[in-house]
């Protein structure tokens, strides 16, 4: 079986193309159709010859190959049903291969190989299904915490992370700064350029904000054209340096045509523990300073 791995992989592809059992195969060339199936069959043959339970451990050869094969198929647009069906077709092809050699094996060895083949394919299908649901659950958890337009933390997730960071700051005696940002005349952008242009501008600004943060800092979209970020272990220069980086990146995006001409934002800052001792207090101080900054621009 190991020596015939390539031919057996081709047989699996042909089975999948028959009666359109795996529709996604139709979109691929032959090498794409085969993927890593030949190497996978060779490893499976070794498992049938010498079964080892550790081959199914996380990150170990056969199980890892099964999960990687499923991920690659999913990335190519295969539906979960097609991924499972491909393994079932693999069992059918291998069973034909084994059945054709029943006379060489003898009854006892033939039944042993049959059981090993069924058990192994069943375990591989289980591996792939579990891996798929793990990824799906992780993606849903990510979507629940992130703003779909900008990819930043959403309002609730940002507040939760801020609360946790404040607890750490109290415990270890660290400082923390909250910055509240608001885009200037964003309504005018939507009114004159349209909402798609407004959405693009929000995405570009969010990217500029994210890229300007340190690894330890976090940003979120609080709603509409309002953003927030918290910075940990700050000094008096930390916030000005961040805002300088954001302003510089915004200027670059305007020059590149990625943001509308005249694009700007205002910001207000509050620090823990000097100016407020909890999240609500920080937002109140930062919001007041944001309003003062916007009023100064309008004057």
Protein backbone atom coordinates (compact mmCIF):
# COMPACT_ATOMS: atom_id res chain seq x y z
CA UNK A 1 0.00 0.00 0.00
CA UNK A 2 2.81 2.42 0.87
CA UNK A 3 4.46 1.82 -2.51
CA UNK A 4 1.15 2.41 -4.31
CA UNK A 5 0.26 5.56 -2.36
CA UNK A 6 0.23 7.84 -5.42
CA UNK A 7 -1.98 5.51 -7.47
CA UNK A 8 -4.36 5.05 -4.55
CA UNK A 9 -4.60 8.82 -4.09
CA UNK A 10 -5.52 9.16 -7.77
CA UNK A 11 -8.21 6.51 -7.25
CA UNK A 12 -9.66 8.55 -4.37
CA UNK A 13 -9.81 11.63 -6.61
CA UNK A 14 -11.51 9.66 -9.38
CA UNK A 15 -14.06 8.35 -6.87
CA UNK A 16 -14.72 11.91 -5.72
CA UNK A 17 -15.24 13.15 -9.28
CA UNK A 18 -17.61 10.27 -10.06
CA UNK A 19 -21.23 11.45 -9.84
CA UNK A 20 -19.91 14.75 -8.43
CA UNK A 21 -19.51 13.28 -4.94
CA UNK A 22 -16.91 15.95 -4.11
CA UNK A 23 -17.98 18.98 -6.19
CA UNK A 24 -15.05 21.13 -5.00
CA UNK A 25 -12.59 18.80 -6.76
CA UNK A 26 -13.95 19.99 -10.11
CA UNK A 27 -12.43 23.44 -9.55
CA UNK A 28 -8.88 22.13 -9.03
CA UNK A 29 -6.09 20.85 -11.24
CA UNK A 30 -4.79 17.33 -10.68
CA UNK A 31 -2.09 18.34 -8.20
CA UNK A 32 -4.61 20.40 -6.24
CA UNK A 33 -7.03 17.47 -6.30
CA UNK A 34 -4.39 15.16 -4.86
CA UNK A 35 -3.08 17.63 -2.29
CA UNK A 36 -1.13 15.75 0.36
CA UNK A 37 -3.19 12.57 -0.08
CA UNK A 38 -0.26 10.41 -1.33
CA UNK A 39 1.88 11.24 1.73
CA UNK A 40 -1.15 10.76 3.94
CA UNK A 41 -1.86 7.29 2.50
CA UNK A 42 1.80 6.30 2.98
CA UNK A 43 1.58 7.25 6.66
CA UNK A 44 -1.75 5.45 6.97
CA UNK A 45 -0.20 2.32 5.48
CA UNK A 46 2.45 2.38 8.22
CA UNK A 47 -0.30 2.64 10.82
CA UNK A 48 -2.12 -0.37 9.35
CA UNK A 49 1.09 -2.38 9.30
CA UNK A 50 2.25 -1.39 12.78
CA UNK A 51 -0.51 0.34 14.79
CA UNK A 52 0.66 2.91 17.34
CA UNK A 53 -1.86 4.86 19.40
CA UNK A 54 0.61 7.74 19.73
CA UNK A 55 0.21 8.41 16.01
CA UNK A 56 -3.10 9.99 16.96
CA UNK A 57 -1.70 12.26 19.64
CA UNK A 58 -1.95 16.00 19.10
CA UNK A 59 0.79 17.11 16.70
CA UNK A 60 1.93 13.55 15.93
CA UNK A 61 2.35 12.30 12.35
CA UNK A 62 -0.94 10.71 11.27
CA UNK A 63 -3.32 12.84 13.35
CA UNK A 64 -1.42 16.01 12.46
CA UNK A 65 -1.56 15.11 8.76
CA UNK A 66 -5.29 14.46 8.99
CA UNK A 67 -5.96 17.80 10.64
CA UNK A 68 -3.68 19.65 8.19
CA UNK A 69 -5.34 17.94 5.22
CA UNK A 70 -8.76 19.00 6.52
CA UNK A 71 -7.56 22.60 7.05
CA UNK A 72 -6.13 22.75 3.52
CA UNK A 73 -9.35 21.40 2.05
CA UNK A 74 -11.39 23.89 4.06
CA UNK A 75 -9.17 26.73 2.80
CA UNK A 76 -9.88 25.57 -0.76
CA UNK A 77 -13.61 25.90 -0.13
CA UNK A 78 -14.48 22.29 0.68
CA UNK A 79 -17.60 21.98 2.82
CA UNK A 80 -17.27 19.93 6.05
CA UNK A 81 -19.43 17.24 4.45
CA UNK A 82 -16.98 16.97 1.54
CA UNK A 83 -13.99 16.62 3.87
CA UNK A 84 -15.65 13.74 5.73
CA UNK A 85 -16.80 12.19 2.44
CA UNK A 86 -13.21 12.24 1.12
CA UNK A 87 -12.10 10.11 4.06
CA UNK A 88 -14.97 7.71 3.47
CA UNK A 89 -13.98 7.44 -0.19
CA UNK A 90 -10.43 6.81 0.96
CA UNK A 91 -11.71 3.90 3.06
CA UNK A 92 -13.58 2.52 0.04
CA UNK A 93 -10.47 2.69 -2.18
CA UNK A 94 -8.21 1.12 0.45
CA UNK A 95 -10.77 -1.57 1.16
CA UNK A 96 -10.80 -2.54 -2.53
CA UNK A 97 -7.00 -2.61 -2.48
CA UNK A 98 -6.96 -4.89 0.57
CA UNK A 99 -9.79 -7.12 -0.74
CA UNK A 100 -7.88 -7.75 -3.96
CA UNK A 101 -5.09 -9.25 -1.83
CA UNK A 102 -7.28 -11.31 0.48
CA UNK A 103 -5.82 -14.57 -0.85
CA UNK A 104 -2.30 -13.43 0.00
CA UNK A 105 -3.20 -12.39 3.53
CA UNK A 106 -5.14 -15.34 4.85
CA UNK A 107 -8.44 -15.08 6.74
CA UNK A 108 -7.04 -14.02 10.12
CA UNK A 109 -4.72 -11.34 8.72
CA UNK A 110 -7.42 -10.12 6.34
CA UNK A 111 -9.90 -9.59 9.19
CA UNK A 112 -7.20 -7.90 11.25
CA UNK A 113 -6.39 -5.43 8.45
CA UNK A 114 -10.12 -4.81 7.90
CA UNK A 115 -10.61 -3.91 11.56
CA UNK A 116 -7.53 -1.70 11.64
CA UNK A 117 -8.61 0.10 8.47
CA UNK A 118 -12.12 0.80 9.79
CA UNK A 119 -10.88 1.85 13.22
CA UNK A 120 -8.20 4.13 11.77
CA UNK A 121 -10.48 5.89 9.30
CA UNK A 122 -13.13 6.35 12.01
CA UNK A 123 -10.53 7.97 14.27
CA UNK A 124 -9.29 10.21 11.47
CA UNK A 125 -12.82 11.37 10.68
CA UNK A 126 -13.32 12.12 14.37
CA UNK A 127 -10.05 14.08 14.44
CA UNK A 128 -11.18 16.21 11.51
CA UNK A 129 -14.68 16.82 12.86
CA UNK A 130 -13.33 17.83 16.27
CA UNK A 131 -10.72 20.09 14.66
CA UNK A 132 -13.41 21.72 12.51
CA UNK A 133 -15.65 22.45 15.50
CA UNK A 134 -12.67 23.73 17.50
CA UNK A 135 -11.92 26.21 14.71
CA UNK A 136 -15.58 27.15 14.32
CA UNK A 137 -15.94 27.72 18.06
CA UNK A 138 -12.77 29.81 18.12
CA UNK A 139 -13.99 31.90 15.18
CA UNK A 140 -17.37 32.48 16.83
CA UNK A 141 -15.66 33.55 20.06
CA UNK A 142 -13.48 35.96 18.07
CA UNK A 143 -16.50 37.38 16.24
CA UNK A 144 -18.35 37.89 19.53
CA UNK A 145 -15.51 40.09 20.85
CA UNK A 146 -14.49 42.04 17.76
CA UNK A 147 -16.04 44.78 15.68
CA UNK A 148 -16.77 43.24 12.26
CA UNK A 149 -15.84 46.39 10.30
CA UNK A 150 -12.51 47.34 11.88
CA UNK A 151 -11.38 44.12 13.58
CA UNK A 152 -10.77 46.01 16.84
CA UNK A 153 -12.30 44.89 20.11
CA UNK A 154 -15.96 45.83 20.35
CA UNK A 155 -17.33 48.06 23.12
CA UNK A 156 -18.09 45.32 25.63
CA UNK A 157 -14.89 43.35 25.02
CA UNK A 158 -12.77 46.49 25.37
CA UNK A 159 -14.44 47.36 28.68
CA UNK A 160 -13.85 43.82 29.96
CA UNK A 161 -10.17 43.94 29.02
CA UNK A 162 -9.84 47.40 30.58
CA UNK A 163 -11.33 46.14 33.84
CA UNK A 164 -8.86 43.24 33.93
CA UNK A 165 -5.95 45.55 33.19
CA UNK A 166 -7.04 47.93 35.94
CA UNK A 167 -7.07 45.02 38.40
CA UNK A 168 -3.51 44.11 37.40
CA UNK A 169 -2.45 47.76 37.69
CA UNK A 170 -3.85 47.95 41.24
CA UNK A 171 -2.22 44.68 42.24
CA UNK A 172 1.24 45.58 40.97
CA UNK A 173 1.15 49.35 41.42
CA UNK A 174 1.33 50.15 37.70
CA UNK A 175 0.00 53.22 35.94
CA UNK A 176 -2.45 53.09 33.03
CA UNK A 177 -3.73 55.65 30.52
CA UNK A 178 -7.05 55.63 28.70
CA UNK A 179 -7.36 57.55 25.43
CA UNK A 180 -10.79 58.35 23.99
CA UNK A 181 -10.71 59.29 20.29
CA UNK A 182 -13.37 60.77 18.04
CA UNK A 183 -13.14 61.44 14.30
CA UNK A 184 -13.63 65.05 13.26
CA UNK A 185 -16.53 65.75 10.89
CA UNK A 186 -17.07 62.06 10.11
CA UNK A 187 -20.72 62.75 9.29
CA UNK A 188 -19.53 65.09 6.54
CA UNK A 189 -17.49 62.25 5.02
CA UNK A 190 -20.54 59.99 4.94
CA UNK A 191 -22.76 62.75 3.55
CA UNK A 192 -20.39 63.84 0.77
CA UNK A 193 -18.57 60.63 -0.16
CA UNK A 194 -21.11 58.00 0.85
CA UNK A 195 -21.21 55.29 3.47
CA UNK A 196 -18.85 52.85 1.66
CA UNK A 197 -16.16 55.55 1.69
CA UNK A 198 -16.96 56.21 5.35
CA UNK A 199 -16.56 52.51 6.18
CA UNK A 200 -13.24 52.38 4.34
CA UNK A 201 -12.05 55.44 6.26
CA UNK A 202 -13.02 53.82 9.58
CA UNK A 203 -11.05 50.71 8.63
CA UNK A 204 -7.98 52.70 7.63
CA UNK A 205 -8.07 54.78 10.80
CA UNK A 206 -8.51 51.65 12.94
CA UNK A 207 -5.49 50.14 11.21
CA UNK A 208 -3.44 53.28 11.88
CA UNK A 209 -4.42 53.20 15.54
CA UNK A 210 -3.66 49.50 15.90
CA UNK A 211 -0.28 49.83 14.19
CA UNK A 212 0.69 52.69 16.50
CA UNK A 213 0.13 50.76 19.72
CA UNK A 214 2.77 48.90 21.66
CA UNK A 215 2.38 45.13 22.03
CA UNK A 216 1.06 45.56 25.58
CA UNK A 217 -1.68 48.06 24.61
CA UNK A 218 -5.19 47.45 23.27
CA UNK A 219 -7.69 49.42 21.19
CA UNK A 220 -11.41 49.12 20.61
CA UNK A 221 -14.20 50.66 18.59
CA UNK A 222 -16.68 52.05 21.05
CA UNK A 223 -19.35 52.73 18.47
CA UNK A 224 -19.84 54.91 15.39
CA UNK A 225 -16.73 57.03 14.95
CA UNK A 226 -15.52 56.69 18.55
CA UNK A 227 -12.46 54.67 19.47
CA UNK A 228 -10.56 54.01 22.68
CA UNK A 229 -7.19 52.60 23.65
CA UNK A 230 -5.51 51.82 26.92
CA UNK A 231 -1.77 51.99 27.49
CA UNK A 232 -0.12 50.17 30.38
CA UNK A 233 2.85 51.19 32.52
CA UNK A 234 2.83 54.73 31.18
CA UNK A 235 4.82 57.86 31.88
CA UNK A 236 4.12 61.46 30.88
CA UNK A 237 5.53 60.91 27.37
CA UNK A 238 3.71 57.67 26.52
CA UNK A 239 0.41 59.16 25.37
CA UNK A 240 1.90 62.08 23.37
CA UNK A 241 4.22 59.65 21.57
CA UNK A 242 1.30 57.41 20.66
CA UNK A 243 -0.81 60.28 19.36
CA UNK A 244 2.17 61.54 17.34
CA UNK A 245 2.47 58.11 15.72
CA UNK A 246 -1.25 58.02 14.90
CA UNK A 247 -1.19 61.55 13.46
CA UNK A 248 1.84 60.67 11.34
CA UNK A 249 0.23 57.50 10.01
CA UNK A 250 -3.04 59.34 9.27
CA UNK A 251 -1.08 61.98 7.32
CA UNK A 252 0.55 59.21 5.27
CA UNK A 253 -2.82 57.65 4.51
CA UNK A 254 -4.20 61.02 3.39
CA UNK A 255 -1.20 61.51 1.08
CA UNK A 256 -1.73 58.00 -0.32
CA UNK A 257 -5.42 58.70 -0.97
CA UNK A 258 -6.51 56.06 1.55
CA UNK A 259 -8.17 58.71 3.76
CA UNK A 260 -10.07 61.83 2.63
CA UNK A 261 -8.20 65.13 2.46
CA UNK A 262 -8.44 67.06 5.70
CA UNK A 263 -9.08 63.91 7.74
CA UNK A 264 -8.40 64.44 11.44
CA UNK A 265 -9.33 63.21 14.88
CA UNK A 266 -9.50 64.52 18.42
CA UNK A 267 -8.45 62.74 21.60
CA UNK A 268 -8.85 63.02 25.34
CA UNK A 269 -6.78 61.18 27.94
CA UNK A 270 -7.13 60.12 31.57
CA UNK A 271 -4.65 58.28 33.78
CA UNK A 272 -4.95 55.70 36.55
CA UNK A 273 -4.53 56.12 39.47
CA UNK A 274 -3.74 59.85 39.40
CA UNK A 275 -7.02 61.05 37.83
CA UNK A 276 -9.50 58.20 38.24
CA UNK A 277 -9.65 54.88 40.04
CA UNK A 278 -12.00 52.87 37.82
CA UNK A 279 -13.12 52.50 34.22
CA UNK A 280 -16.14 54.79 34.53
CA UNK A 281 -14.04 57.53 36.08
CA UNK A 282 -11.39 57.20 33.37
CA UNK A 283 -13.97 57.51 30.61
CA UNK A 284 -15.58 60.54 32.27
CA UNK A 285 -12.27 62.40 32.48
CA UNK A 286 -11.18 61.34 28.97
CA UNK A 287 -14.58 62.29 27.51
CA UNK A 288 -14.40 65.74 29.11
CA UNK A 289 -10.95 66.32 27.65
CA UNK A 290 -12.06 65.02 24.27
CA UNK A 291 -14.93 67.52 24.26
CA UNK A 292 -12.50 70.32 25.20
CA UNK A 293 -10.16 69.32 22.37
CA UNK A 294 -12.98 69.36 19.83
CA UNK A 295 -14.27 72.71 21.11
CA UNK A 296 -10.76 74.18 20.82
CA UNK A 297 -10.55 73.05 17.18
CA UNK A 298 -13.91 74.62 16.41
CA UNK A 299 -12.96 77.96 17.99
